Amino acid sequence: MKVAITSTGNSLISKVDQRFGRCAYFVIYDTVTKAMEFIPNAGIHAEEGAGSAAVQLIASRKVEKIVSVEFGFKVKPLLDSLKIQMISIKGEHTVQEIIDMIEKS
C-alpha cells in the first residue's frame, strides 16, 4: 500500500507539514517495498486550487492513505470519491516517526 505524508522538506528528519494542499513536499511511502519518493509540491504557491492539484498528484501515484495535520474543506469530497483515506495527526512529528507508526500498525 502507498501512503503519502505531507513534509516540510525532502528528508526523513523533516517535520510533517501542517498543510495538505500547500505542503512543501509529499513523501510517498510504499509499505510493501519500503521504497520512498520525495515529490516537491508544485501547488505550494498557487493562488487557488492547490488542494485539488495535490489530490490529482496523489491519485496519480496510486496512494491509498494521506497523513497530514490539516485538510482543506474542498479536498475531503475529492479524496472520498477516490477512496483515499485521510489521516489527520496532532502535534509535531518527523516523516520517520510517521513511517515508524505506519509500520507498527
PDB file of N, CA and C in Angstrom:
ATOM      1  N   MET A   1       0.837  -1.173   0.000  1.00  0.00           N
ATOM      2  CA  MET A   1       0.000   0.000   0.000  1.00  0.00           C
ATOM      3  C   MET A   1       0.886   1.242   0.000  1.00  0.00           C
ATOM      4  N   LYS A   2       0.448   2.258  -0.718  1.00  0.00           N
ATOM      5  CA  LYS A   2       1.195   3.512  -0.754  1.00  0.00           C
ATOM      6  C   LYS A   2       0.517   4.543   0.133  1.00  0.00           C
ATOM      7  N   VAL A   3       1.362   5.226   0.931  1.00  0.00           N
ATOM      8  CA  VAL A   3       0.901   6.261   1.854  1.00  0.00           C
ATOM      9  C   VAL A   3       1.632   7.553   1.521  1.00  0.00           C
ATOM     10  N   ALA A   4       0.890   8.649   1.437  1.00  0.00           N
ATOM     11  CA  ALA A   4       1.504   9.965   1.229  1.00  0.00           C
ATOM     12  C   ALA A   4       1.574  10.677   2.571  1.00  0.00           C
ATOM     13  N   ILE A   5       2.694  11.346   2.806  1.00  0.00           N
ATOM     14  CA  ILE A   5       2.896  12.123   4.028  1.00  0.00           C
ATOM     15  C   ILE A   5       3.287  13.529   3.603  1.00  0.00           C
ATOM     16  N   THR A   6       2.603  14.536   4.136  1.00  0.00           N
ATOM     17  CA  THR A   6       2.993  15.914   3.821  1.00  0.00           C
ATOM     18  C   THR A   6       4.254  16.240   4.607  1.00  0.00           C
ATOM     19  N   SER A   7       5.197  16.918   3.964  1.00  0.00           N
ATOM     20  CA  SER A   7       6.505  17.149   4.588  1.00  0.00           C
ATOM     21  C   SER A   7       7.001  18.566   4.327  1.00  0.00           C
ATOM     22  N   THR A   8       7.744  19.096   5.297  1.00  0.00           N
ATOM     23  CA  THR A   8       8.344  20.428   5.148  1.00  0.00           C
ATOM     24  C   THR A   8       9.635  20.375   4.347  1.00  0.00           C
ATOM     25  N   GLY A   9      10.198  19.187   4.158  1.00  0.00           N
ATOM     26  CA  GLY A   9      11.467  19.056   3.441  1.00  0.00           C
ATOM     27  C   GLY A   9      11.584  17.709   2.761  1.00  0.00           C
ATOM     28  N   ASN A  10      12.765  17.453   2.213  1.00  0.00           N
ATOM     29  CA  ASN A  10      12.957  16.211   1.445  1.00  0.00           C
ATOM     30  C   ASN A  10      13.868  15.220   2.153  1.00  0.00           C
ATOM     31  N   SER A  11      13.669  15.073   3.464  1.00  0.00           N
ATOM     32  CA  SER A  11      14.440  14.074   4.205  1.00  0.00           C
ATOM     33  C   SER A  11      13.566  13.449   5.287  1.00  0.00           C
ATOM     34  N   LEU A  12      14.028  12.341   5.828  1.00  0.00           N
ATOM     35  CA  LEU A  12      13.276  11.634   6.865  1.00  0.00           C
ATOM     36  C   LEU A  12      13.185  12.421   8.172  1.00  0.00           C
ATOM     37  N   ILE A  13      14.107  13.353   8.386  1.00  0.00           N
ATOM     38  CA  ILE A  13      14.060  14.146   9.619  1.00  0.00           C
ATOM     39  C   ILE A  13      13.218  15.420   9.463  1.00  0.00           C
ATOM     40  N   SER A  14      12.670  15.630   8.266  1.00  0.00           N
ATOM     41  CA  SER A  14      11.780  16.777   8.048  1.00  0.00           C
ATOM     42  C   SER A  14      10.503  16.590   8.853  1.00  0.00           C
ATOM     43  N   LYS A  15       9.915  17.697   9.263  1.00  0.00           N
ATOM     44  CA  LYS A  15       8.655  17.668  10.001  1.00  0.00           C
ATOM     45  C   LYS A  15       7.495  17.426   9.042  1.00  0.00           C
ATOM     46  N   VAL A  16       6.432  16.849   9.574  1.00  0.00           N
ATOM     47  CA  VAL A  16       5.202  16.722   8.804  1.00  0.00           C
ATOM     48  C   VAL A  16       4.652  18.130   8.606  1.00  0.00           C
ATOM     49  N   ASP A  17       4.358  18.484   7.354  1.00  0.00           N
ATOM     50  CA  ASP A  17       3.829  19.810   7.043  1.00  0.00           C
ATOM     51  C   ASP A  17       2.392  19.894   7.544  1.00  0.00           C
ATOM     52  N   GLN A  18       2.043  21.023   8.116  1.00  0.00           N
ATOM     53  CA  GLN A  18       0.706  21.234   8.664  1.00  0.00           C
ATOM     54  C   GLN A  18      -0.374  21.246   7.581  1.00  0.00           C
ATOM     55  N   ARG A  19      -0.015  21.649   6.377  1.00  0.00           N
ATOM     56  CA  ARG A  19      -0.996  21.880   5.318  1.00  0.00           C
ATOM     57  C   ARG A  19      -0.907  20.808   4.245  1.00  0.00           C
ATOM     58  N   PHE A  20      -2.051  20.323   3.816  1.00  0.00           N
ATOM     59  CA  PHE A  20      -2.061  19.320   2.753  1.00  0.00           C
ATOM     60  C   PHE A  20      -1.780  19.953   1.395  1.00  0.00           C
ATOM     61  N   GLY A  21      -2.649  20.823   0.937  1.00  0.00           N
ATOM     62  CA  GLY A  21      -2.545  21.375  -0.414  1.00  0.00           C
ATOM     63  C   GLY A  21      -1.346  22.269  -0.638  1.00  0.00           C
ATOM     64  N   ARG A  22      -0.839  22.862   0.422  1.00  0.00           N
ATOM     65  CA  ARG A  22       0.289  23.795   0.302  1.00  0.00           C
ATOM     66  C   ARG A  22       1.542  23.306   1.030  1.00  0.00           C
ATOM     67  N   CYS A  23       1.634  21.994   1.193  1.00  0.00           N
ATOM     68  CA  CYS A  23       2.844  21.444   1.812  1.00  0.00           C
ATOM     69  C   CYS A  23       4.035  21.635   0.868  1.00  0.00           C
ATOM     70  N   ALA A  24       5.228  21.568   1.421  1.00  0.00           N
ATOM     71  CA  ALA A  24       6.430  21.721   0.595  1.00  0.00           C
ATOM     72  C   ALA A  24       6.690  20.468  -0.249  1.00  0.00           C
ATOM     73  N   TYR A  25       6.523  19.310   0.371  1.00  0.00           N
ATOM     74  CA  TYR A  25       6.784  18.028  -0.309  1.00  0.00           C
ATOM     75  C   TYR A  25       5.725  17.010   0.072  1.00  0.00           C
ATOM     76  N   PHE A  26       5.570  16.035  -0.799  1.00  0.00           N
ATOM     77  CA  PHE A  26       4.824  14.825  -0.480  1.00  0.00           C
ATOM     78  C   PHE A  26       5.842  13.698  -0.443  1.00  0.00           C
ATOM     79  N   VAL A  27       5.785  12.902   0.611  1.00  0.00           N
ATOM     80  CA  VAL A  27       6.604  11.698   0.694  1.00  0.00           C
ATOM     81  C   VAL A  27       5.671  10.536   0.381  1.00  0.00           C
ATOM     82  N   ILE A  28       5.993   9.789  -0.653  1.00  0.00           N
ATOM     83  CA  ILE A  28       5.203   8.604  -0.996  1.00  0.00           C
ATOM     84  C   ILE A  28       5.969   7.402  -0.454  1.00  0.00           C
ATOM     85  N   TYR A  29       5.346   6.711   0.491  1.00  0.00           N
ATOM     86  CA  TYR A  29       5.981   5.554   1.121  1.00  0.00           C
ATOM     87  C   TYR A  29       5.200   4.296   0.761  1.00  0.00           C
ATOM     88  N   ASP A  30       5.898   3.302   0.252  1.00  0.00           N
ATOM     89  CA  ASP A  30       5.301   2.023  -0.112  1.00  0.00           C
ATOM     90  C   ASP A  30       5.540   1.038   1.027  1.00  0.00           C
ATOM     91  N   THR A  31       4.466   0.604   1.682  1.00  0.00           N
ATOM     92  CA  THR A  31       4.602  -0.276   2.847  1.00  0.00           C
ATOM     93  C   THR A  31       5.061  -1.681   2.472  1.00  0.00           C
ATOM     94  N   VAL A  32       4.931  -2.053   1.207  1.00  0.00           N
ATOM     95  CA  VAL A  32       5.341  -3.389   0.768  1.00  0.00           C
ATOM     96  C   VAL A  32       6.825  -3.406   0.420  1.00  0.00           C
ATOM     97  N   THR A  33       7.245  -2.489  -0.448  1.00  0.00           N
ATOM     98  CA  THR A  33       8.637  -2.484  -0.913  1.00  0.00           C
ATOM     99  C   THR A  33       9.557  -1.628  -0.034  1.00  0.00           C
ATOM    100  N   LYS A  34       8.959  -0.801   0.834  1.00  0.00           N
ATOM    101  CA  LYS A  34       9.682   0.147   1.709  1.00  0.00           C
ATOM    102  C   LYS A  34      10.338   1.272   0.906  1.00  0.00           C
ATOM    103  N   ALA A  35       9.970   1.403  -0.361  1.00  0.00           N
ATOM    104  CA  ALA A  35      10.512   2.471  -1.210  1.00  0.00           C
ATOM    105  C   ALA A  35       9.899   3.812  -0.803  1.00  0.00           C
ATOM    106  N   MET A  36      10.673   4.875  -1.003  1.00  0.00           N
ATOM    107  CA  MET A  36      10.241   6.222  -0.683  1.00  0.00           C
ATOM    108  C   MET A  36      10.543   7.155  -1.835  1.00  0.00           C
ATOM    109  N   GLU A  37       9.646   8.100  -2.049  1.00  0.00           N
ATOM    110  CA  GLU A  37       9.848   9.102  -3.088  1.00  0.00           C
ATOM    111  C   GLU A  37       9.447  10.455  -2.506  1.00  0.00           C
ATOM    112  N   PHE A  38      10.321  11.438  -2.641  1.00  0.00           N
ATOM    113  CA  PHE A  38      10.036  12.800  -2.190  1.00  0.00           C
ATOM    114  C   PHE A  38       9.662  13.622  -3.416  1.00  0.00           C
ATOM    115  N   ILE A  39       8.447  14.163  -3.417  1.00  0.00           N
ATOM    116  CA  ILE A  39       7.951  14.904  -4.571  1.00  0.00           C
ATOM    117  C   ILE A  39       7.690  16.356  -4.164  1.00  0.00           C
ATOM    118  N   PRO A  40       8.378  17.320  -4.787  1.00  0.00           N
ATOM    119  CA  PRO A  40       8.080  18.725  -4.492  1.00  0.00           C
ATOM    120  C   PRO A  40       6.637  19.046  -4.903  1.00  0.00           C
ATOM    121  N   ASN A  41       5.958  19.822  -4.079  1.00  0.00           N
ATOM    122  CA  ASN A  41       4.576  20.191  -4.361  1.00  0.00           C
ATOM    123  C   ASN A  41       4.557  21.440  -5.237  1.00  0.00           C
ATOM    124  N   ALA A  42       4.196  21.273  -6.499  1.00  0.00           N
ATOM    125  CA  ALA A  42       4.165  22.391  -7.442  1.00  0.00           C
ATOM    126  C   ALA A  42       3.082  23.405  -7.085  1.00  0.00           C
ATOM    127  N   GLY A  43       2.080  23.001  -6.315  1.00  0.00           N
ATOM    128  CA  GLY A  43       0.982  23.893  -5.976  1.00  0.00           C
ATOM    129  C   GLY A  43       1.171  24.715  -4.725  1.00  0.00           C
ATOM    130  N   ILE A  44       2.358  24.673  -4.144  1.00  0.00           N
ATOM    131  CA  ILE A  44       2.591  25.349  -2.873  1.00  0.00           C
ATOM    132  C   ILE A  44       2.295  26.853  -2.943  1.00  0.00           C
ATOM    133  N   HIS A  45       2.558  27.483  -4.081  1.00  0.00           N
ATOM    134  CA  HIS A  45       2.353  28.925  -4.214  1.00  0.00           C
ATOM    135  C   HIS A  45       1.158  29.292  -5.089  1.00  0.00           C
ATOM    136  N   ALA A  46       0.322  28.311  -5.413  1.00  0.00           N
ATOM    137  CA  ALA A  46      -0.843  28.574  -6.265  1.00  0.00           C
ATOM    138  C   ALA A  46      -1.804  29.529  -5.568  1.00  0.00           C
ATOM    139  N   GLU A  47      -2.397  30.426  -6.341  1.00  0.00           N
ATOM    140  CA  GLU A  47      -3.367  31.353  -5.765  1.00  0.00           C
ATOM    141  C   GLU A  47      -4.630  30.620  -5.338  1.00  0.00           C
ATOM    142  N   GLU A  48      -5.031  29.637  -6.119  1.00  0.00           N
ATOM    143  CA  GLU A  48      -6.182  28.812  -5.763  1.00  0.00           C
ATOM    144  C   GLU A  48      -6.040  27.448  -6.420  1.00  0.00           C
ATOM    145  N   GLY A  49      -6.792  26.486  -5.896  1.00  0.00           N
ATOM    146  CA  GLY A  49      -6.764  25.147  -6.479  1.00  0.00           C
ATOM    147  C   GLY A  49      -5.613  24.275  -6.023  1.00  0.00           C
ATOM    148  N   ALA A  50      -4.890  24.698  -4.975  1.00  0.00           N
ATOM    149  CA  ALA A  50      -3.743  23.907  -4.506  1.00  0.00           C
ATOM    150  C   ALA A  50      -4.176  22.535  -4.006  1.00  0.00           C
ATOM    151  N   GLY A  51      -5.288  22.486  -3.280  1.00  0.00           N
ATOM    152  CA  GLY A  51      -5.772  21.213  -2.755  1.00  0.00           C
ATOM    153  C   GLY A  51      -6.171  20.248  -3.852  1.00  0.00           C
ATOM    154  N   SER A  52      -6.894  20.748  -4.841  1.00  0.00           N
ATOM    155  CA  SER A  52      -7.328  19.897  -5.963  1.00  0.00           C
ATOM    156  C   SER A  52      -6.134  19.367  -6.746  1.00  0.00           C
ATOM    157  N   ALA A  53      -5.157  20.232  -6.977  1.00  0.00           N
ATOM    158  CA  ALA A  53      -3.948  19.803  -7.695  1.00  0.00           C
ATOM    159  C   ALA A  53      -3.188  18.753  -6.894  1.00  0.00           C
ATOM    160  N   ALA A  54      -3.146  18.928  -5.573  1.00  0.00           N
ATOM    161  CA  ALA A  54      -2.459  17.960  -4.711  1.00  0.00           C
ATOM    162  C   ALA A  54      -3.169  16.608  -4.758  1.00  0.00           C
ATOM    163  N   VAL A  55      -4.493  16.626  -4.759  1.00  0.00           N
ATOM    164  CA  VAL A  55      -5.255  15.375  -4.851  1.00  0.00           C
ATOM    165  C   VAL A  55      -4.938  14.666  -6.162  1.00  0.00           C
ATOM    166  N   GLN A  56      -4.885  15.396  -7.261  1.00  0.00           N
ATOM    167  CA  GLN A  56      -4.570  14.793  -8.563  1.00  0.00           C
ATOM    168  C   GLN A  56      -3.179  14.157  -8.547  1.00  0.00           C
ATOM    169  N   LEU A  57      -2.213  14.856  -7.955  1.00  0.00           N
ATOM    170  CA  LEU A  57      -0.853  14.325  -7.865  1.00  0.00           C
ATOM    171  C   LEU A  57      -0.833  13.031  -7.058  1.00  0.00           C
ATOM    172  N   ILE A  58      -1.481  13.051  -5.902  1.00  0.00           N
ATOM    173  CA  ILE A  58      -1.522  11.878  -5.028  1.00  0.00           C
ATOM    174  C   ILE A  58      -2.224  10.710  -5.731  1.00  0.00           C
ATOM    175  N   ALA A  59      -3.345  10.994  -6.365  1.00  0.00           N
ATOM    176  CA  ALA A  59      -4.099   9.938  -7.054  1.00  0.00           C
ATOM    177  C   ALA A  59      -3.285   9.325  -8.187  1.00  0.00           C
ATOM    178  N   SER A  60      -2.486  10.144  -8.877  1.00  0.00           N
ATOM    179  CA  SER A  60      -1.674   9.626  -9.981  1.00  0.00           C
ATOM    180  C   SER A  60      -0.593   8.660  -9.500  1.00  0.00           C
ATOM    181  N   ARG A  61      -0.259   8.728  -8.215  1.00  0.00           N
ATOM    182  CA  ARG A  61       0.753   7.831  -7.630  1.00  0.00           C
ATOM    183  C   ARG A  61       0.126   6.602  -6.982  1.00  0.00           C
ATOM    184  N   LYS A  62      -1.200   6.438  -7.142  1.00  0.00           N
ATOM    185  CA  LYS A  62      -1.924   5.271  -6.608  1.00  0.00           C
ATOM    186  C   LYS A  62      -1.836   5.170  -5.079  1.00  0.00           C
ATOM    187  N   VAL A  63      -1.903   6.324  -4.420  1.00  0.00           N
ATOM    188  CA  VAL A  63      -1.849   6.386  -2.963  1.00  0.00           C
ATOM    189  C   VAL A  63      -3.205   5.987  -2.379  1.00  0.00           C
ATOM    190  N   GLU A  64      -3.178   5.249  -1.259  1.00  0.00           N
ATOM    191  CA  GLU A  64      -4.417   4.825  -0.601  1.00  0.00           C
ATOM    192  C   GLU A  64      -4.703   5.602   0.674  1.00  0.00           C
ATOM    193  N   LYS A  65      -3.661   6.195   1.282  1.00  0.00           N
ATOM    194  CA  LYS A  65      -3.831   6.964   2.517  1.00  0.00           C
ATOM    195  C   LYS A  65      -2.953   8.203   2.466  1.00  0.00           C
ATOM    196  N   ILE A  66      -3.427   9.273   3.124  1.00  0.00           N
ATOM    197  CA  ILE A  66      -2.647  10.502   3.220  1.00  0.00           C
ATOM    198  C   ILE A  66      -2.574  10.904   4.688  1.00  0.00           C
ATOM    199  N   VAL A  67      -1.358  11.218   5.144  1.00  0.00           N
ATOM    200  CA  VAL A  67      -1.140  11.671   6.515  1.00  0.00           C
ATOM    201  C   VAL A  67      -0.767  13.146   6.473  1.00  0.00           C
ATOM    202  N   SER A  68      -1.526  13.959   7.208  1.00  0.00           N
ATOM    203  CA  SER A  68      -1.246  15.387   7.330  1.00  0.00           C
ATOM    204  C   SER A  68      -1.888  15.888   8.611  1.00  0.00           C
ATOM    205  N   VAL A  69      -1.733  17.166   8.879  1.00  0.00           N
ATOM    206  CA  VAL A  69      -2.363  17.759  10.057  1.00  0.00           C
ATOM    207  C   VAL A  69      -3.720  18.345   9.675  1.00  0.00           C
ATOM    208  N   GLU A  70      -3.750  19.154   8.616  1.00  0.00           N
ATOM    209  CA  GLU A  70      -4.989  19.794   8.193  1.00  0.00           C
ATOM    210  C   GLU A  70      -5.277  19.505   6.721  1.00  0.00           C
ATOM    211  N   PHE A  71      -6.553  19.320   6.437  1.00  0.00           N
ATOM    212  CA  PHE A  71      -7.028  19.134   5.072  1.00  0.00           C
ATOM    213  C   PHE A  71      -8.068  20.210   4.802  1.00  0.00           C
ATOM    214  N   GLY A  72      -8.006  20.838   3.644  1.00  0.00           N
ATOM    215  CA  GLY A  72      -8.992  21.849   3.286  1.00  0.00           C
ATOM    216  C   GLY A  72     -10.372  21.233   3.095  1.00  0.00           C
ATOM    217  N   PHE A  73     -11.411  22.039   3.313  1.00  0.00           N
ATOM    218  CA  PHE A  73     -12.771  21.517   3.229  1.00  0.00           C
ATOM    219  C   PHE A  73     -13.159  21.073   1.821  1.00  0.00           C
ATOM    220  N   LYS A  74     -12.507  21.600   0.787  1.00  0.00           N
ATOM    221  CA  LYS A  74     -12.816  21.193  -0.592  1.00  0.00           C
ATOM    222  C   LYS A  74     -12.176  19.854  -0.956  1.00  0.00           C
ATOM    223  N   VAL A  75     -11.167  19.457  -0.202  1.00  0.00           N
ATOM    224  CA  VAL A  75     -10.399  18.251  -0.515  1.00  0.00           C
ATOM    225  C   VAL A  75     -11.118  16.978  -0.099  1.00  0.00           C
ATOM    226  N   LYS A  76     -11.835  17.022   1.017  1.00  0.00           N
ATOM    227  CA  LYS A  76     -12.458  15.813   1.554  1.00  0.00           C
ATOM    228  C   LYS A  76     -13.356  15.103   0.543  1.00  0.00           C
ATOM    229  N   PRO A  77     -14.303  15.804  -0.132  1.00  0.00           N
ATOM    230  CA  PRO A  77     -15.139  15.085  -1.093  1.00  0.00           C
ATOM    231  C   PRO A  77     -14.340  14.480  -2.258  1.00  0.00           C
ATOM    232  N   LEU A  78     -13.271  15.161  -2.672  1.00  0.00           N
ATOM    233  CA  LEU A  78     -12.435  14.635  -3.751  1.00  0.00           C
ATOM    234  C   LEU A  78     -11.756  13.336  -3.318  1.00  0.00           C
ATOM    235  N   LEU A  79     -11.175  13.359  -2.128  1.00  0.00           N
ATOM    236  CA  LEU A  79     -10.491  12.164  -1.626  1.00  0.00           C
ATOM    237  C   LEU A  79     -11.477  11.035  -1.373  1.00  0.00           C
ATOM    238  N   ASP A  80     -12.653  11.380  -0.828  1.00  0.00           N
ATOM    239  CA  ASP A  80     -13.681  10.355  -0.599  1.00  0.00           C
ATOM    240  C   ASP A  80     -14.090   9.691  -1.910  1.00  0.00           C
ATOM    241  N   SER A  81     -14.255  10.490  -2.965  1.00  0.00           N
ATOM    242  CA  SER A  81     -14.680   9.935  -4.251  1.00  0.00           C
ATOM    243  C   SER A  81     -13.623   9.008  -4.850  1.00  0.00           C
ATOM    244  N   LEU A  82     -12.359   9.244  -4.500  1.00  0.00           N
ATOM    245  CA  LEU A  82     -11.258   8.412  -4.986  1.00  0.00           C
ATOM    246  C   LEU A  82     -10.916   7.272  -4.025  1.00  0.00           C
ATOM    247  N   LYS A  83     -11.652   7.215  -2.913  1.00  0.00           N
ATOM    248  CA  LYS A  83     -11.432   6.202  -1.871  1.00  0.00           C
ATOM    249  C   LYS A  83     -10.015   6.276  -1.295  1.00  0.00           C
ATOM    250  N   ILE A  84      -9.544   7.510  -1.096  1.00  0.00           N
ATOM    251  CA  ILE A  84      -8.249   7.746  -0.455  1.00  0.00           C
ATOM    252  C   ILE A  84      -8.527   8.212   0.962  1.00  0.00           C
ATOM    253  N   GLN A  85      -7.992   7.485   1.928  1.00  0.00           N
ATOM    254  CA  GLN A  85      -8.247   7.773   3.338  1.00  0.00           C
ATOM    255  C   GLN A  85      -7.381   8.928   3.839  1.00  0.00           C
ATOM    256  N   MET A  86      -7.996   9.854   4.568  1.00  0.00           N
ATOM    257  CA  MET A  86      -7.264  10.964   5.203  1.00  0.00           C
ATOM    258  C   MET A  86      -6.969  10.587   6.648  1.00  0.00           C
ATOM    259  N   ILE A  87      -5.724  10.746   7.048  1.00  0.00           N
ATOM    260  CA  ILE A  87      -5.337  10.517   8.432  1.00  0.00           C
ATOM    261  C   ILE A  87      -4.799  11.836   8.967  1.00  0.00           C
ATOM    262  N   SER A  88      -5.540  12.416   9.898  1.00  0.00           N
ATOM    263  CA  SER A  88      -5.153  13.700  10.482  1.00  0.00           C
ATOM    264  C   SER A  88      -4.434  13.442  11.800  1.00  0.00           C
ATOM    265  N   ILE A  89      -3.227  13.979  11.925  1.00  0.00           N
ATOM    266  CA  ILE A  89      -2.445  13.766  13.135  1.00  0.00           C
ATOM    267  C   ILE A  89      -2.365  15.060  13.929  1.00  0.00           C
ATOM    268  N   LYS A  90      -2.096  14.935  15.199  1.00  0.00           N
ATOM    269  CA  LYS A  90      -1.926  16.082  16.090  1.00  0.00           C
ATOM    270  C   LYS A  90      -0.466  16.166  16.510  1.00  0.00           C
ATOM    271  N   GLY A  91      -0.003  17.360  16.793  1.00  0.00           N
ATOM    272  CA  GLY A  91       1.360  17.543  17.275  1.00  0.00           C
ATOM    273  C   GLY A  91       2.380  17.543  16.159  1.00  0.00           C
ATOM    274  N   GLU A  92       3.642  17.707  16.556  1.00  0.00           N
ATOM    275  CA  GLU A  92       4.738  17.722  15.585  1.00  0.00           C
ATOM    276  C   GLU A  92       5.398  16.351  15.518  1.00  0.00           C
ATOM    277  N   HIS A  93       5.579  15.878  14.308  1.00  0.00           N
ATOM    278  CA  HIS A  93       6.233  14.589  14.069  1.00  0.00           C
ATOM    279  C   HIS A  93       7.152  14.724  12.873  1.00  0.00           C
ATOM    280  N   THR A  94       8.184  13.893  12.834  1.00  0.00           N
ATOM    281  CA  THR A  94       9.030  13.831  11.647  1.00  0.00           C
ATOM    282  C   THR A  94       8.439  12.789  10.691  1.00  0.00           C
ATOM    283  N   VAL A  95       8.888  12.844   9.455  1.00  0.00           N
ATOM    284  CA  VAL A  95       8.466  11.850   8.471  1.00  0.00           C
ATOM    285  C   VAL A  95       8.839  10.454   8.957  1.00  0.00           C
ATOM    286  N   GLN A  96      10.035  10.298   9.505  1.00  0.00           N
ATOM    287  CA  GLN A  96      10.475   8.989  10.018  1.00  0.00           C
ATOM    288  C   GLN A  96       9.546   8.481  11.115  1.00  0.00           C
ATOM    289  N   GLU A  97       9.114   9.363  12.022  1.00  0.00           N
ATOM    290  CA  GLU A  97       8.202   8.944  13.094  1.00  0.00           C
ATOM    291  C   GLU A  97       6.878   8.437  12.526  1.00  0.00           C
ATOM    292  N   ILE A  98       6.377   9.089  11.492  1.00  0.00           N
ATOM    293  CA  ILE A  98       5.128   8.654  10.874  1.00  0.00           C
ATOM    294  C   ILE A  98       5.311   7.291  10.198  1.00  0.00           C
ATOM    295  N   ILE A  99       6.417   7.128   9.504  1.00  0.00           N
ATOM    296  CA  ILE A  99       6.698   5.829   8.863  1.00  0.00           C
ATOM    297  C   ILE A  99       6.792   4.731   9.912  1.00  0.00           C
ATOM    298  N   ASP A 100       7.454   5.021  11.025  1.00  0.00           N
ATOM    299  CA  ASP A 100       7.541   4.040  12.111  1.00  0.00           C
ATOM    300  C   ASP A 100       6.159   3.685  12.631  1.00  0.00           C
ATOM    301  N   MET A 101       5.272   4.687  12.775  1.00  0.00           N
ATOM    302  CA  MET A 101       3.902   4.430  13.247  1.00  0.00           C
ATOM    303  C   MET A 101       3.137   3.563  12.251  1.00  0.00           C
ATOM    304  N   ILE A 102       3.330   3.854  10.961  1.00  0.00           N
ATOM    305  CA  ILE A 102       2.664   3.071   9.922  1.00  0.00           C
ATOM    306  C   ILE A 102       3.113   1.615   9.976  1.00  0.00           C
ATOM    307  N   GLU A 103       4.402   1.405  10.146  1.00  0.00           N
ATOM    308  CA  GLU A 103       4.957   0.056  10.179  1.00  0.00           C
ATOM    309  C   GLU A 103       4.481  -0.730  11.398  1.00  0.00           C
ATOM    310  N   LYS A 104       4.202  -0.054  12.506  1.00  0.00           N
ATOM    311  CA  LYS A 104       3.758  -0.732  13.724  1.00  0.00           C
ATOM    312  C   LYS A 104       2.275  -1.059  13.699  1.00  0.00           C
ATOM    313  N   SER A 105       1.524  -0.400  12.830  1.00  0.00           N
ATOM    314  CA  SER A 105       0.062  -0.638  12.814  1.00  0.00           C
ATOM    315  C   SER A 105      -0.323  -1.799  11.923  1.00  0.00           C
TER     316      SER A 105
END
